[in-house]
C-alpha atoms as a PDB file:
ATOM      1  CA  GLY A   1      -3.626  -0.620 -12.358  1.00  0.00           C
ATOM      2  CA  ILE A   2      -5.244   0.890  -9.333  1.00  0.00           C
ATOM      3  CA  ARG A   3      -8.793   0.919 -10.727  1.00  0.00           C
ATOM      4  CA  GLU A   4      -8.712  -2.838 -11.327  1.00  0.00           C
ATOM      5  CA  GLU A   5      -7.526  -3.385  -7.752  1.00  0.00           C
ATOM      6  CA  LEU A   6     -10.348  -1.206  -6.412  1.00  0.00           C
ATOM      7  CA  ASP A   7     -12.920  -3.217  -8.367  1.00  0.00           C
ATOM      8  CA  THR A   8     -11.959  -6.416  -6.524  1.00  0.00           C
ATOM      9  CA  ALA A   9     -11.141  -4.876  -3.106  1.00  0.00           C
ATOM     10  CA  ASP A  10     -13.431  -5.231  -0.093  1.00  0.00           C
ATOM     11  CA  ILE A  11     -14.545  -1.589   0.180  1.00  0.00           C
ATOM     12  CA  PRO A  12     -17.408  -0.448   2.440  1.00  0.00           C
ATOM     13  CA  GLU A  13     -20.538   0.407   0.457  1.00  0.00           C
ATOM     14  CA  PRO A  14     -20.588   4.180   1.219  1.00  0.00           C
ATOM     15  CA  LEU A  15     -17.057   4.575  -0.168  1.00  0.00           C
ATOM     16  CA  LYS A  16     -17.584   2.742  -3.451  1.00  0.00           C
ATOM     17  CA  GLY A  17     -17.326   4.781  -6.635  1.00  0.00           C
ATOM     18  CA  PRO A  18     -16.241   8.412  -6.433  1.00  0.00           C
ATOM     19  CA  GLY A  19     -15.489   8.279  -2.699  1.00  0.00           C
ATOM     20  CA  ILE A  20     -12.676   5.735  -2.883  1.00  0.00           C
ATOM     21  CA  THR A  21     -11.399   7.349  -6.088  1.00  0.00           C
ATOM     22  CA  LEU A  22     -10.987  10.710  -4.321  1.00  0.00           C
ATOM     23  CA  ILE A  23      -9.309   9.079  -1.319  1.00  0.00           C
ATOM     24  CA  THR A  24      -6.896   7.211  -3.593  1.00  0.00           C
ATOM     25  CA  ALA A  25      -6.111  10.372  -5.564  1.00  0.00           C
ATOM     26  CA  GLY A  26      -5.397  12.218  -2.319  1.00  0.00           C
ATOM     27  CA  LEU A  27      -3.032   9.512  -1.091  1.00  0.00           C
ATOM     28  CA  MET A  28      -1.206   9.503  -4.410  1.00  0.00           C
ATOM     29  CA  ALA A  29      -0.881  13.305  -4.240  1.00  0.00           C
ATOM     30  CA  LEU A  30       0.656  13.026  -0.763  1.00  0.00           C
ATOM     31  CA  ALA A  31       3.109  10.418  -2.024  1.00  0.00           C
ATOM     32  CA  PHE A  32       4.207  12.604  -4.916  1.00  0.00           C
ATOM     33  CA  MET A  33       4.596  15.591  -2.586  1.00  0.00           C
ATOM     34  CA  GLY A  34       6.901  13.434  -0.469  1.00  0.00           C
ATOM     35  CA  PHE A  35       8.989  12.501  -3.520  1.00  0.00           C
ATOM     36  CA  LYS A  36       9.243  16.176  -4.412  1.00  0.00           C
ATOM     37  CA  GLY A  37      10.491  16.958  -0.914  1.00  0.00           C
ATOM     38  CA  MET A  38      13.190  14.283  -1.162  1.00  0.00           C
ATOM     39  CA  ALA A  39      14.509  15.721  -4.408  1.00  0.00           C
ATOM     40  CA  GLY A  40      14.867  19.285  -3.416  1.00  0.00           C
END
């Protein structure tokens, strides 16, 4: 899934590892909040 994509993506060195993981988790949280808003 997403972790495999991040392993092969061209990510700047300071963001590799936990940094990009936290950014991705935040974006996914925003997406799910948007889905929640559409439903109710």
